[in-house]
Amino acid sequence: MTKVFILDANQQPLYPVGISRARLLLSQGKASVFQRYPFTIILKESLSHLNLE
């Protein structure tokens, strides 16, 4: 399973997530693409306001 790197709103690294979870966050507008290689997404809100489950 391929993993996607994820950063919180303060650009602190979080545990990598699977492609399907990353795609869901992007489609819901909760994250945006930060870097294409290696593919990294960044959350738009801090973790205290966001439920990743």
N, C-alpha and C. Protein backbone atom coordinates (compact mmCIF):
# COMPACT_ATOMS: atom_id res chain seq x y z
N MET A 1 0.84 -1.17 0.00
CA MET A 1 0.00 0.00 0.00
C MET A 1 0.89 1.24 0.00
N THR A 2 0.61 2.14 -0.89
CA THR A 2 1.37 3.38 -1.00
C THR A 2 0.86 4.38 0.02
N LYS A 3 1.76 5.11 0.62
CA LYS A 3 1.42 6.11 1.62
C LYS A 3 1.63 7.51 1.08
N VAL A 4 0.86 8.44 1.60
CA VAL A 4 0.95 9.85 1.24
C VAL A 4 1.38 10.60 2.49
N PHE A 5 2.38 11.46 2.34
CA PHE A 5 2.82 12.27 3.47
C PHE A 5 1.80 13.35 3.73
N ILE A 6 1.62 13.69 5.00
CA ILE A 6 0.62 14.69 5.37
C ILE A 6 1.22 15.64 6.40
N LEU A 7 0.91 16.91 6.24
CA LEU A 7 1.36 17.96 7.16
C LEU A 7 0.14 18.60 7.79
N ASP A 8 0.27 19.03 9.05
CA ASP A 8 -0.84 19.75 9.66
C ASP A 8 -0.78 21.21 9.22
N ALA A 9 -1.68 22.03 9.72
CA ALA A 9 -1.76 23.43 9.30
C ALA A 9 -0.51 24.22 9.66
N ASN A 10 0.26 23.75 10.64
CA ASN A 10 1.50 24.41 11.05
C ASN A 10 2.72 23.82 10.38
N GLN A 11 2.52 23.04 9.34
CA GLN A 11 3.56 22.37 8.55
C GLN A 11 4.40 21.40 9.38
N GLN A 12 3.79 20.79 10.38
CA GLN A 12 4.43 19.74 11.16
C GLN A 12 4.04 18.39 10.56
N PRO A 13 4.99 17.48 10.37
CA PRO A 13 4.66 16.20 9.74
C PRO A 13 3.80 15.32 10.64
N LEU A 14 2.87 14.63 10.02
CA LEU A 14 2.02 13.67 10.70
C LEU A 14 2.32 12.28 10.14
N TYR A 15 1.71 11.28 10.73
CA TYR A 15 1.90 9.92 10.25
C TYR A 15 1.33 9.79 8.85
N PRO A 16 2.04 9.17 7.91
CA PRO A 16 1.54 9.03 6.53
C PRO A 16 0.20 8.30 6.47
N VAL A 17 -0.63 8.68 5.51
CA VAL A 17 -1.95 8.07 5.35
C VAL A 17 -2.00 7.36 4.00
N GLY A 18 -2.97 6.51 3.84
CA GLY A 18 -3.16 5.79 2.58
C GLY A 18 -3.72 6.70 1.50
N ILE A 19 -3.65 6.23 0.27
CA ILE A 19 -4.10 7.02 -0.87
C ILE A 19 -5.59 7.35 -0.76
N SER A 20 -6.40 6.39 -0.34
CA SER A 20 -7.84 6.63 -0.27
C SER A 20 -8.18 7.69 0.77
N ARG A 21 -7.49 7.70 1.91
CA ARG A 21 -7.73 8.71 2.94
C ARG A 21 -7.31 10.09 2.42
N ALA A 22 -6.18 10.16 1.73
CA ALA A 22 -5.71 11.43 1.17
C ALA A 22 -6.68 11.94 0.11
N ARG A 23 -7.17 11.05 -0.73
CA ARG A 23 -8.13 11.45 -1.77
C ARG A 23 -9.41 11.98 -1.14
N LEU A 24 -9.85 11.36 -0.06
CA LEU A 24 -11.05 11.80 0.64
C LEU A 24 -10.85 13.20 1.24
N LEU A 25 -9.71 13.44 1.88
CA LEU A 25 -9.43 14.75 2.46
C LEU A 25 -9.37 15.83 1.38
N LEU A 26 -8.78 15.49 0.23
CA LEU A 26 -8.69 16.46 -0.86
C LEU A 26 -10.07 16.76 -1.45
N SER A 27 -10.89 15.74 -1.65
CA SER A 27 -12.20 15.95 -2.26
C SER A 27 -13.16 16.69 -1.33
N GLN A 28 -12.99 16.53 -0.02
CA GLN A 28 -13.83 17.24 0.95
C GLN A 28 -13.36 18.67 1.19
N GLY A 29 -12.21 19.03 0.64
CA GLY A 29 -11.70 20.38 0.80
C GLY A 29 -10.99 20.60 2.13
N LYS A 30 -10.67 19.53 2.85
CA LYS A 30 -9.99 19.64 4.13
C LYS A 30 -8.48 19.72 3.99
N ALA A 31 -7.97 19.45 2.79
CA ALA A 31 -6.52 19.46 2.55
C ALA A 31 -6.27 19.95 1.14
N SER A 32 -5.03 20.32 0.89
CA SER A 32 -4.61 20.70 -0.45
C SER A 32 -3.23 20.13 -0.73
N VAL A 33 -2.85 20.10 -1.99
CA VAL A 33 -1.55 19.55 -2.38
C VAL A 33 -0.47 20.54 -1.96
N PHE A 34 0.51 20.06 -1.22
CA PHE A 34 1.62 20.89 -0.76
C PHE A 34 2.82 20.73 -1.69
N GLN A 35 3.07 19.49 -2.09
CA GLN A 35 4.24 19.18 -2.91
C GLN A 35 3.90 17.97 -3.77
N ARG A 36 4.35 17.96 -5.02
CA ARG A 36 4.03 16.85 -5.90
C ARG A 36 5.01 15.68 -5.77
N TYR A 37 6.29 15.95 -5.50
CA TYR A 37 7.24 14.86 -5.34
C TYR A 37 8.15 15.14 -4.17
N PRO A 38 8.16 14.33 -3.15
CA PRO A 38 7.20 13.25 -2.90
C PRO A 38 5.82 13.84 -2.61
N PHE A 39 4.79 13.15 -3.04
CA PHE A 39 3.43 13.69 -2.92
C PHE A 39 3.10 13.93 -1.47
N THR A 40 2.80 15.18 -1.15
CA THR A 40 2.53 15.61 0.22
C THR A 40 1.30 16.51 0.21
N ILE A 41 0.41 16.29 1.17
CA ILE A 41 -0.75 17.17 1.31
C ILE A 41 -0.64 17.91 2.63
N ILE A 42 -1.31 19.05 2.71
CA ILE A 42 -1.30 19.85 3.93
C ILE A 42 -2.75 20.11 4.33
N LEU A 43 -3.03 19.97 5.61
CA LEU A 43 -4.37 20.21 6.13
C LEU A 43 -4.64 21.70 6.17
N LYS A 44 -5.88 22.10 5.93
CA LYS A 44 -6.24 23.51 5.95
C LYS A 44 -6.56 24.00 7.35
N GLU A 45 -6.94 23.09 8.26
CA GLU A 45 -7.27 23.45 9.63
C GLU A 45 -6.40 22.67 10.58
N SER A 46 -6.29 23.15 11.79
CA SER A 46 -5.52 22.42 12.79
C SER A 46 -6.25 21.14 13.20
N LEU A 47 -5.53 20.22 13.79
CA LEU A 47 -6.12 18.93 14.14
C LEU A 47 -7.20 19.03 15.20
N SER A 48 -7.17 20.05 16.04
CA SER A 48 -8.18 20.19 17.08
C SER A 48 -9.56 20.49 16.49
N HIS A 49 -9.61 21.05 15.27
CA HIS A 49 -10.88 21.37 14.62
C HIS A 49 -11.28 20.35 13.56
N LEU A 50 -10.40 19.40 13.29
CA LEU A 50 -10.63 18.48 12.18
C LEU A 50 -10.69 17.04 12.68
N ASN A 51 -11.68 16.29 12.23
CA ASN A 51 -11.81 14.89 12.57
C ASN A 51 -11.40 14.07 11.36
N LEU A 52 -10.29 13.34 11.46
CA LEU A 52 -9.76 12.59 10.32
C LEU A 52 -10.43 11.24 10.13
N GLU A 53 -11.35 10.85 10.98
CA GLU A 53 -11.94 9.53 10.88
C GLU A 53 -13.22 9.50 10.16
